Amino acid sequence: VRKASFGGYAVPGDSIRYVADIESLDDQAAMTVGVVYINNERAGAIDLIFSHVNQAASKLDLPEHNFVFTDNFKSLLSTVREHTERGGQSS
C-alpha cells in the first residue's frame, strides 16, 4: 500500500461503488489507484502496488506458493491488459 485515506464508513443500506484504474502493468508488478464512494460521495482512496517476488532470488522467508498472483488474479490482469491494448479503458 503506497497511500490510503478513509473519510467515512458504510452502514447497512448504503450504496458502495469502487472505481479502480491500473496505472502500469508488466510481468513483475502492477500499480493501481482506486476510489471508494458511499452514496455517490467520495469516502476513501488507495494506491496499491502488486509485486511478483521470485522466491529463488529473494532472501525473504516467503511461502512457497504464489500467495498474491493466484490464477484468478493473473487472469484478471491479462484481461485488463488485452482490453487496454485494444484501446479500451479499464475501470
PDB file of N, CA and C in Angstrom:
ATOM      1  N   VAL A   1       0.857  -1.174   0.000  1.00  0.00           N
ATOM      2  CA  VAL A   1       0.000   0.000   0.000  1.00  0.00           C
ATOM      3  C   VAL A   1       0.898   1.230   0.000  1.00  0.00           C
ATOM      4  N   ARG A   2       0.826   2.005  -1.068  1.00  0.00           N
ATOM      5  CA  ARG A   2       1.621   3.237  -1.130  1.00  0.00           C
ATOM      6  C   ARG A   2       0.958   4.344  -0.318  1.00  0.00           C
ATOM      7  N   LYS A   3      -0.358   4.442  -0.434  1.00  0.00           N
ATOM      8  CA  LYS A   3      -1.081   5.507   0.253  1.00  0.00           C
ATOM      9  C   LYS A   3      -2.539   5.084   0.368  1.00  0.00           C
ATOM     10  N   ALA A   4      -3.160   5.380   1.493  1.00  0.00           N
ATOM     11  CA  ALA A   4      -4.582   5.097   1.672  1.00  0.00           C
ATOM     12  C   ALA A   4      -5.196   6.179   2.550  1.00  0.00           C
ATOM     13  N   SER A   5      -6.412   6.553   2.226  1.00  0.00           N
ATOM     14  CA  SER A   5      -7.132   7.524   3.051  1.00  0.00           C
ATOM     15  C   SER A   5      -8.579   7.063   3.168  1.00  0.00           C
ATOM     16  N   PHE A   6      -9.143   7.289   4.330  1.00  0.00           N
ATOM     17  CA  PHE A   6     -10.512   6.882   4.607  1.00  0.00           C
ATOM     18  C   PHE A   6     -11.244   8.063   5.222  1.00  0.00           C
ATOM     19  N   GLY A   7     -12.422   8.364   4.676  1.00  0.00           N
ATOM     20  CA  GLY A   7     -13.143   9.513   5.176  1.00  0.00           C
ATOM     21  C   GLY A   7     -14.541   9.200   5.656  1.00  0.00           C
ATOM     22  N   GLY A   8     -14.889   7.931   5.709  1.00  0.00           N
ATOM     23  CA  GLY A   8     -16.227   7.589   6.152  1.00  0.00           C
ATOM     24  C   GLY A   8     -16.419   6.095   6.215  1.00  0.00           C
ATOM     25  N   TYR A   9     -17.547   5.698   6.744  1.00  0.00           N
ATOM     26  CA  TYR A   9     -17.878   4.290   6.883  1.00  0.00           C
ATOM     27  C   TYR A   9     -19.220   4.029   6.241  1.00  0.00           C
ATOM     28  N   ALA A  10     -19.371   2.859   5.669  1.00  0.00           N
ATOM     29  CA  ALA A  10     -20.656   2.440   5.119  1.00  0.00           C
ATOM     30  C   ALA A  10     -21.469   1.775   6.220  1.00  0.00           C
ATOM     31  N   VAL A  11     -22.754   1.983   6.141  1.00  0.00           N
ATOM     32  CA  VAL A  11     -23.680   1.340   7.074  1.00  0.00           C
ATOM     33  C   VAL A  11     -24.721   0.595   6.247  1.00  0.00           C
ATOM     34  N   PRO A  12     -25.436  -0.339   6.858  1.00  0.00           N
ATOM     35  CA  PRO A  12     -26.462  -1.071   6.105  1.00  0.00           C
ATOM     36  C   PRO A  12     -27.397  -0.113   5.365  1.00  0.00           C
ATOM     37  N   GLY A  13     -27.617  -0.421   4.092  1.00  0.00           N
ATOM     38  CA  GLY A  13     -28.480   0.398   3.254  1.00  0.00           C
ATOM     39  C   GLY A  13     -27.716   1.362   2.364  1.00  0.00           C
ATOM     40  N   ASP A  14     -26.431   1.616   2.659  1.00  0.00           N
ATOM     41  CA  ASP A  14     -25.618   2.497   1.825  1.00  0.00           C
ATOM     42  C   ASP A  14     -25.292   1.829   0.500  1.00  0.00           C
ATOM     43  N   SER A  15     -25.079   2.639  -0.508  1.00  0.00           N
ATOM     44  CA  SER A  15     -24.610   2.173  -1.806  1.00  0.00           C
ATOM     45  C   SER A  15     -23.101   2.393  -1.861  1.00  0.00           C
ATOM     46  N   ILE A  16     -22.346   1.335  -2.146  1.00  0.00           N
ATOM     47  CA  ILE A  16     -20.881   1.426  -2.211  1.00  0.00           C
ATOM     48  C   ILE A  16     -20.445   1.182  -3.651  1.00  0.00           C
ATOM     49  N   ARG A  17     -19.568   2.052  -4.156  1.00  0.00           N
ATOM     50  CA  ARG A  17     -19.039   1.899  -5.519  1.00  0.00           C
ATOM     51  C   ARG A  17     -17.526   2.023  -5.467  1.00  0.00           C
ATOM     52  N   TYR A  18     -16.850   1.086  -6.116  1.00  0.00           N
ATOM     53  CA  TYR A  18     -15.397   1.087  -6.196  1.00  0.00           C
ATOM     54  C   TYR A  18     -14.997   1.426  -7.630  1.00  0.00           C
ATOM     55  N   VAL A  19     -14.055   2.332  -7.781  1.00  0.00           N
ATOM     56  CA  VAL A  19     -13.515   2.674  -9.090  1.00  0.00           C
ATOM     57  C   VAL A  19     -12.007   2.443  -9.018  1.00  0.00           C
ATOM     58  N   ALA A  20     -11.492   1.624  -9.926  1.00  0.00           N
ATOM     59  CA  ALA A  20     -10.064   1.310  -9.897  1.00  0.00           C
ATOM     60  C   ALA A  20      -9.483   1.419 -11.292  1.00  0.00           C
ATOM     61  N   ASP A  21      -8.266   1.906 -11.354  1.00  0.00           N
ATOM     62  CA  ASP A  21      -7.530   2.003 -12.609  1.00  0.00           C
ATOM     63  C   ASP A  21      -6.152   1.394 -12.421  1.00  0.00           C
ATOM     64  N   ILE A  22      -5.686   0.708 -13.434  1.00  0.00           N
ATOM     65  CA  ILE A  22      -4.331   0.180 -13.429  1.00  0.00           C
ATOM     66  C   ILE A  22      -3.441   1.211 -14.099  1.00  0.00           C
ATOM     67  N   GLU A  23      -2.473   1.744 -13.348  1.00  0.00           N
ATOM     68  CA  GLU A  23      -1.559   2.756 -13.877  1.00  0.00           C
ATOM     69  C   GLU A  23      -0.462   2.127 -14.716  1.00  0.00           C
ATOM     70  N   SER A  24       0.046   0.982 -14.278  1.00  0.00           N
ATOM     71  CA  SER A  24       1.052   0.261 -15.059  1.00  0.00           C
ATOM     72  C   SER A  24       0.929  -1.221 -14.754  1.00  0.00           C
ATOM     73  N   LEU A  25       1.355  -2.022 -15.726  1.00  0.00           N
ATOM     74  CA  LEU A  25       1.209  -3.457 -15.604  1.00  0.00           C
ATOM     75  C   LEU A  25       2.299  -4.129 -16.424  1.00  0.00           C
ATOM     76  N   ASP A  26       3.062  -5.007 -15.793  1.00  0.00           N
ATOM     77  CA  ASP A  26       4.032  -5.827 -16.508  1.00  0.00           C
ATOM     78  C   ASP A  26       4.139  -7.174 -15.809  1.00  0.00           C
ATOM     79  N   ASP A  27       5.088  -7.999 -16.235  1.00  0.00           N
ATOM     80  CA  ASP A  27       5.201  -9.339 -15.660  1.00  0.00           C
ATOM     81  C   ASP A  27       5.647  -9.327 -14.202  1.00  0.00           C
ATOM     82  N   GLN A  28       6.245  -8.246 -13.743  1.00  0.00           N
ATOM     83  CA  GLN A  28       6.780  -8.180 -12.391  1.00  0.00           C
ATOM     84  C   GLN A  28       5.856  -7.492 -11.394  1.00  0.00           C
ATOM     85  N   ALA A  29       5.036  -6.551 -11.869  1.00  0.00           N
ATOM     86  CA  ALA A  29       4.240  -5.772 -10.915  1.00  0.00           C
ATOM     87  C   ALA A  29       3.078  -5.075 -11.608  1.00  0.00           C
ATOM     88  N   ALA A  30       2.162  -4.605 -10.786  1.00  0.00           N
ATOM     89  CA  ALA A  30       1.056  -3.766 -11.244  1.00  0.00           C
ATOM     90  C   ALA A  30       0.894  -2.632 -10.248  1.00  0.00           C
ATOM     91  N   MET A  31       0.705  -1.409 -10.758  1.00  0.00           N
ATOM     92  CA  MET A  31       0.431  -0.259  -9.899  1.00  0.00           C
ATOM     93  C   MET A  31      -1.003   0.168 -10.167  1.00  0.00           C
ATOM     94  N   THR A  32      -1.784   0.293  -9.084  1.00  0.00           N
ATOM     95  CA  THR A  32      -3.196   0.616  -9.217  1.00  0.00           C
ATOM     96  C   THR A  32      -3.582   1.778  -8.307  1.00  0.00           C
ATOM     97  N   VAL A  33      -4.634   2.465  -8.684  1.00  0.00           N
ATOM     98  CA  VAL A  33      -5.226   3.502  -7.839  1.00  0.00           C
ATOM     99  C   VAL A  33      -6.722   3.237  -7.772  1.00  0.00           C
ATOM    100  N   GLY A  34      -7.323   3.546  -6.650  1.00  0.00           N
ATOM    101  CA  GLY A  34      -8.746   3.312  -6.510  1.00  0.00           C
ATOM    102  C   GLY A  34      -9.409   4.325  -5.609  1.00  0.00           C
ATOM    103  N   VAL A  35     -10.707   4.488  -5.819  1.00  0.00           N
ATOM    104  CA  VAL A  35     -11.518   5.406  -5.017  1.00  0.00           C
ATOM    105  C   VAL A  35     -12.777   4.651  -4.594  1.00  0.00           C
ATOM    106  N   VAL A  36     -13.197   4.890  -3.372  1.00  0.00           N
ATOM    107  CA  VAL A  36     -14.430   4.301  -2.852  1.00  0.00           C
ATOM    108  C   VAL A  36     -15.447   5.421  -2.666  1.00  0.00           C
ATOM    109  N   TYR A  37     -16.642   5.169  -3.162  1.00  0.00           N
ATOM    110  CA  TYR A  37     -17.735   6.127  -2.998  1.00  0.00           C
ATOM    111  C   TYR A  37     -18.831   5.475  -2.165  1.00  0.00           C
ATOM    112  N   ILE A  38     -19.359   6.219  -1.217  1.00  0.00           N
ATOM    113  CA  ILE A  38     -20.515   5.778  -0.442  1.00  0.00           C
ATOM    114  C   ILE A  38     -21.640   6.754  -0.739  1.00  0.00           C
ATOM    115  N   ASN A  39     -22.732   6.224  -1.275  1.00  0.00           N
ATOM    116  CA  ASN A  39     -23.870   7.067  -1.674  1.00  0.00           C
ATOM    117  C   ASN A  39     -23.405   8.211  -2.578  1.00  0.00           C
ATOM    118  N   ASN A  40     -22.538   7.884  -3.530  1.00  0.00           N
ATOM    119  CA  ASN A  40     -22.004   8.815  -4.533  1.00  0.00           C
ATOM    120  C   ASN A  40     -21.121   9.917  -3.950  1.00  0.00           C
ATOM    121  N   GLU A  41     -20.677   9.769  -2.708  1.00  0.00           N
ATOM    122  CA  GLU A  41     -19.733  10.717  -2.125  1.00  0.00           C
ATOM    123  C   GLU A  41     -18.413   9.992  -1.863  1.00  0.00           C
ATOM    124  N   ARG A  42     -17.320  10.644  -2.222  1.00  0.00           N
ATOM    125  CA  ARG A  42     -16.006  10.035  -2.033  1.00  0.00           C
ATOM    126  C   ARG A  42     -15.767   9.749  -0.549  1.00  0.00           C
ATOM    127  N   ALA A  43     -15.410   8.492  -0.254  1.00  0.00           N
ATOM    128  CA  ALA A  43     -15.211   8.088   1.140  1.00  0.00           C
ATOM    129  C   ALA A  43     -13.824   7.525   1.403  1.00  0.00           C
ATOM    130  N   GLY A  44     -13.035   7.327   0.353  1.00  0.00           N
ATOM    131  CA  GLY A  44     -11.695   6.795   0.558  1.00  0.00           C
ATOM    132  C   GLY A  44     -10.966   6.644  -0.756  1.00  0.00           C
ATOM    133  N   ALA A  45      -9.650   6.480  -0.648  1.00  0.00           N
ATOM    134  CA  ALA A  45      -8.807   6.298  -1.834  1.00  0.00           C
ATOM    135  C   ALA A  45      -7.615   5.442  -1.449  1.00  0.00           C
ATOM    136  N   ILE A  46      -7.065   4.749  -2.464  1.00  0.00           N
ATOM    137  CA  ILE A  46      -5.913   3.897  -2.192  1.00  0.00           C
ATOM    138  C   ILE A  46      -5.021   3.812  -3.429  1.00  0.00           C
ATOM    139  N   ASP A  47      -3.726   3.759  -3.202  1.00  0.00           N
ATOM    140  CA  ASP A  47      -2.729   3.471  -4.224  1.00  0.00           C
ATOM    141  C   ASP A  47      -2.061   2.164  -3.818  1.00  0.00           C
ATOM    142  N   LEU A  48      -2.109   1.173  -4.697  1.00  0.00           N
ATOM    143  CA  LEU A  48      -1.560  -0.150  -4.388  1.00  0.00           C
ATOM    144  C   LEU A  48      -0.507  -0.562  -5.402  1.00  0.00           C
ATOM    145  N   ILE A  49       0.471  -1.287  -4.938  1.00  0.00           N
ATOM    146  CA  ILE A  49       1.449  -1.919  -5.809  1.00  0.00           C
ATOM    147  C   ILE A  49       1.388  -3.413  -5.544  1.00  0.00           C
ATOM    148  N   PHE A  50       1.171  -4.180  -6.598  1.00  0.00           N
ATOM    149  CA  PHE A  50       1.241  -5.636  -6.518  1.00  0.00           C
ATOM    150  C   PHE A  50       2.568  -6.027  -7.154  1.00  0.00           C
ATOM    151  N   SER A  51       3.343  -6.844  -6.482  1.00  0.00           N
ATOM    152  CA  SER A  51       4.674  -7.199  -6.964  1.00  0.00           C
ATOM    153  C   SER A  51       4.857  -8.702  -6.984  1.00  0.00           C
ATOM    154  N   HIS A  52       5.523  -9.191  -8.031  1.00  0.00           N
ATOM    155  CA  HIS A  52       5.880 -10.607  -8.089  1.00  0.00           C
ATOM    156  C   HIS A  52       7.281 -10.763  -7.506  1.00  0.00           C
ATOM    157  N   VAL A  53       7.422 -11.597  -6.491  1.00  0.00           N
ATOM    158  CA  VAL A  53       8.714 -11.836  -5.859  1.00  0.00           C
ATOM    159  C   VAL A  53       9.195 -13.218  -6.267  1.00  0.00           C
ATOM    160  N   ASN A  54      10.348 -13.275  -6.892  1.00  0.00           N
ATOM    161  CA  ASN A  54      10.949 -14.544  -7.284  1.00  0.00           C
ATOM    162  C   ASN A  54      11.551 -15.188  -6.040  1.00  0.00           C
ATOM    163  N   GLN A  55      10.945 -16.277  -5.566  1.00  0.00           N
ATOM    164  CA  GLN A  55      11.384 -16.928  -4.330  1.00  0.00           C
ATOM    165  C   GLN A  55      12.853 -17.333  -4.412  1.00  0.00           C
ATOM    166  N   ALA A  56      13.304 -17.789  -5.579  1.00  0.00           N
ATOM    167  CA  ALA A  56      14.694 -18.234  -5.721  1.00  0.00           C
ATOM    168  C   ALA A  56      15.677 -17.077  -5.567  1.00  0.00           C
ATOM    169  N   ALA A  57      15.272 -15.880  -5.961  1.00  0.00           N
ATOM    170  CA  ALA A  57      16.164 -14.725  -5.908  1.00  0.00           C
ATOM    171  C   ALA A  57      15.981 -13.902  -4.640  1.00  0.00           C
ATOM    172  N   SER A  58      14.987 -14.249  -3.831  1.00  0.00           N
ATOM    173  CA  SER A  58      14.670 -13.466  -2.649  1.00  0.00           C
ATOM    174  C   SER A  58      15.291 -14.070  -1.395  1.00  0.00           C
ATOM    175  N   LYS A  59      15.739 -13.214  -0.511  1.00  0.00           N
ATOM    176  CA  LYS A  59      16.247 -13.662   0.779  1.00  0.00           C
ATOM    177  C   LYS A  59      15.148 -13.642   1.849  1.00  0.00           C
ATOM    178  N   LEU A  60      13.935 -13.253   1.442  1.00  0.00           N
ATOM    179  CA  LEU A  60      12.815 -13.206   2.370  1.00  0.00           C
ATOM    180  C   LEU A  60      12.275 -14.603   2.620  1.00  0.00           C
ATOM    181  N   ASP A  61      11.755 -14.837   3.789  1.00  0.00           N
ATOM    182  CA  ASP A  61      11.148 -16.120   4.133  1.00  0.00           C
ATOM    183  C   ASP A  61       9.670 -16.073   3.759  1.00  0.00           C
ATOM    184  N   LEU A  62       9.394 -16.332   2.483  1.00  0.00           N
ATOM    185  CA  LEU A  62       8.031 -16.258   1.962  1.00  0.00           C
ATOM    186  C   LEU A  62       7.495 -17.655   1.706  1.00  0.00           C
ATOM    187  N   PRO A  63       6.163 -17.792   1.647  1.00  0.00           N
ATOM    188  CA  PRO A  63       5.584 -19.102   1.334  1.00  0.00           C
ATOM    189  C   PRO A  63       6.049 -19.587  -0.034  1.00  0.00           C
ATOM    190  N   GLU A  64       6.084 -20.894  -0.219  1.00  0.00           N
ATOM    191  CA  GLU A  64       6.496 -21.471  -1.499  1.00  0.00           C
ATOM    192  C   GLU A  64       5.483 -21.181  -2.597  1.00  0.00           C
ATOM    193  N   HIS A  65       4.192 -21.166  -2.253  1.00  0.00           N
ATOM    194  CA  HIS A  65       3.171 -20.935  -3.272  1.00  0.00           C
ATOM    195  C   HIS A  65       3.048 -19.441  -3.581  1.00  0.00           C
ATOM    196  N   ASN A  66       2.490 -19.137  -4.733  1.00  0.00           N
ATOM    197  CA  ASN A  66       2.271 -17.755  -5.147  1.00  0.00           C
ATOM    198  C   ASN A  66       1.049 -17.243  -4.398  1.00  0.00           C
ATOM    199  N   PHE A  67       1.269 -16.489  -3.328  1.00  0.00           N
ATOM    200  CA  PHE A  67       0.187 -16.092  -2.441  1.00  0.00           C
ATOM    201  C   PHE A  67      -0.500 -14.801  -2.858  1.00  0.00           C
ATOM    202  N   VAL A  68      -0.005 -14.106  -3.882  1.00  0.00           N
ATOM    203  CA  VAL A  68      -0.648 -12.886  -4.351  1.00  0.00           C
ATOM    204  C   VAL A  68      -1.213 -13.077  -5.752  1.00  0.00           C
ATOM    205  N   PHE A  69      -0.374 -13.483  -6.673  1.00  0.00           N
ATOM    206  CA  PHE A  69      -0.804 -13.629  -8.056  1.00  0.00           C
ATOM    207  C   PHE A  69      -1.374 -15.024  -8.287  1.00  0.00           C
ATOM    208  N   THR A  70      -2.581 -15.244  -7.782  1.00  0.00           N
ATOM    209  CA  THR A  70      -3.270 -16.506  -7.986  1.00  0.00           C
ATOM    210  C   THR A  70      -3.678 -16.610  -9.457  1.00  0.00           C
ATOM    211  N   ASP A  71      -4.101 -17.787  -9.892  1.00  0.00           N
ATOM    212  CA  ASP A  71      -4.528 -17.962 -11.276  1.00  0.00           C
ATOM    213  C   ASP A  71      -5.672 -17.023 -11.630  1.00  0.00           C
ATOM    214  N   ASN A  72      -6.629 -16.853 -10.714  1.00  0.00           N
ATOM    215  CA  ASN A  72      -7.748 -15.940 -10.974  1.00  0.00           C
ATOM    216  C   ASN A  72      -7.270 -14.503 -11.123  1.00  0.00           C
ATOM    217  N   PHE A  73      -6.349 -14.073 -10.255  1.00  0.00           N
ATOM    218  CA  PHE A  73      -5.858 -12.702 -10.320  1.00  0.00           C
ATOM    219  C   PHE A  73      -5.048 -12.482 -11.597  1.00  0.00           C
ATOM    220  N   LYS A  74      -4.211 -13.458 -11.977  1.00  0.00           N
ATOM    221  CA  LYS A  74      -3.424 -13.330 -13.208  1.00  0.00           C
ATOM    222  C   LYS A  74      -4.346 -13.282 -14.423  1.00  0.00           C
ATOM    223  N   SER A  75      -5.438 -14.037 -14.392  1.00  0.00           N
ATOM    224  CA  SER A  75      -6.402 -13.995 -15.483  1.00  0.00           C
ATOM    225  C   SER A  75      -7.055 -12.618 -15.577  1.00  0.00           C
ATOM    226  N   LEU A  76      -7.407 -12.042 -14.444  1.00  0.00           N
ATOM    227  CA  LEU A  76      -7.981 -10.695 -14.419  1.00  0.00           C
ATOM    228  C   LEU A  76      -7.004  -9.684 -14.999  1.00  0.00           C
ATOM    229  N   LEU A  77      -5.740  -9.736 -14.592  1.00  0.00           N
ATOM    230  CA  LEU A  77      -4.738  -8.803 -15.104  1.00  0.00           C
ATOM    231  C   LEU A  77      -4.537  -8.975 -16.610  1.00  0.00           C
ATOM    232  N   SER A  78      -4.538 -10.217 -17.094  1.00  0.00           N
ATOM    233  CA  SER A  78      -4.397 -10.468 -18.529  1.00  0.00           C
ATOM    234  C   SER A  78      -5.568  -9.880 -19.305  1.00  0.00           C
ATOM    235  N   THR A  79      -6.770 -10.038 -18.759  1.00  0.00           N
ATOM    236  CA  THR A  79      -7.954  -9.489 -19.411  1.00  0.00           C
ATOM    237  C   THR A  79      -7.870  -7.968 -19.497  1.00  0.00           C
ATOM    238  N   VAL A  80      -7.450  -7.326 -18.406  1.00  0.00           N
ATOM    239  CA  VAL A  80      -7.313  -5.869 -18.398  1.00  0.00           C
ATOM    240  C   VAL A  80      -6.239  -5.444 -19.390  1.00  0.00           C
ATOM    241  N   ARG A  81      -5.119  -6.150 -19.422  1.00  0.00           N
ATOM    242  CA  ARG A  81      -4.038  -5.809 -20.355  1.00  0.00           C
ATOM    243  C   ARG A  81      -4.534  -5.902 -21.791  1.00  0.00           C
ATOM    244  N   GLU A  82      -5.229  -6.977 -22.147  1.00  0.00           N
ATOM    245  CA  GLU A  82      -5.753  -7.149 -23.503  1.00  0.00           C
ATOM    246  C   GLU A  82      -6.739  -6.044 -23.845  1.00  0.00           C
ATOM    247  N   HIS A  83      -7.615  -5.714 -22.925  1.00  0.00           N
ATOM    248  CA  HIS A  83      -8.609  -4.656 -23.142  1.00  0.00           C
ATOM    249  C   HIS A  83      -7.907  -3.315 -23.372  1.00  0.00           C
ATOM    250  N   THR A  84      -6.895  -3.025 -22.563  1.00  0.00           N
ATOM    251  CA  THR A  84      -6.169  -1.765 -22.675  1.00  0.00           C
ATOM    252  C   THR A  84      -5.408  -1.692 -23.986  1.00  0.00           C
ATOM    253  N   GLU A  85      -4.783  -2.788 -24.388  1.00  0.00           N
ATOM    254  CA  GLU A  85      -4.038  -2.814 -25.644  1.00  0.00           C
ATOM    255  C   GLU A  85      -4.932  -2.622 -26.845  1.00  0.00           C
ATOM    256  N   ARG A  86      -6.215  -3.010 -26.739  1.00  0.00           N
ATOM    257  CA  ARG A  86      -7.163  -2.803 -27.827  1.00  0.00           C
ATOM    258  C   ARG A  86      -7.725  -1.384 -27.832  1.00  0.00           C
ATOM    259  N   GLY A  87      -7.286  -0.557 -26.903  1.00  0.00           N
ATOM    260  CA  GLY A  87      -7.738   0.835 -26.871  1.00  0.00           C
ATOM    261  C   GLY A  87      -8.877   1.101 -25.928  1.00  0.00           C
ATOM    262  N   GLY A  88      -9.284   0.110 -25.163  1.00  0.00           N
ATOM    263  CA  GLY A  88     -10.356   0.309 -24.185  1.00  0.00           C
ATOM    264  C   GLY A  88      -9.837   0.961 -22.939  1.00  0.00           C
ATOM    265  N   GLN A  89     -10.714   1.328 -22.077  1.00  0.00           N
ATOM    266  CA  GLN A  89     -10.346   1.912 -20.780  1.00  0.00           C
ATOM    267  C   GLN A  89     -10.710   0.942 -19.698  1.00  0.00           C
ATOM    268  N   SER A  90      -9.855   0.859 -18.690  1.00  0.00           N
ATOM    269  CA  SER A  90     -10.161  -0.016 -17.557  1.00  0.00           C
ATOM    270  C   SER A  90     -10.736   0.790 -16.420  1.00  0.00           C
ATOM    271  N   SER A  91     -11.703   0.227 -15.753  1.00  0.00           N
ATOM    272  CA  SER A  91     -12.242   0.837 -14.537  1.00  0.00           C
ATOM    273  C   SER A  91     -13.083  -0.155 -13.797  1.00  0.00           C
TER     274      SER A  91
END
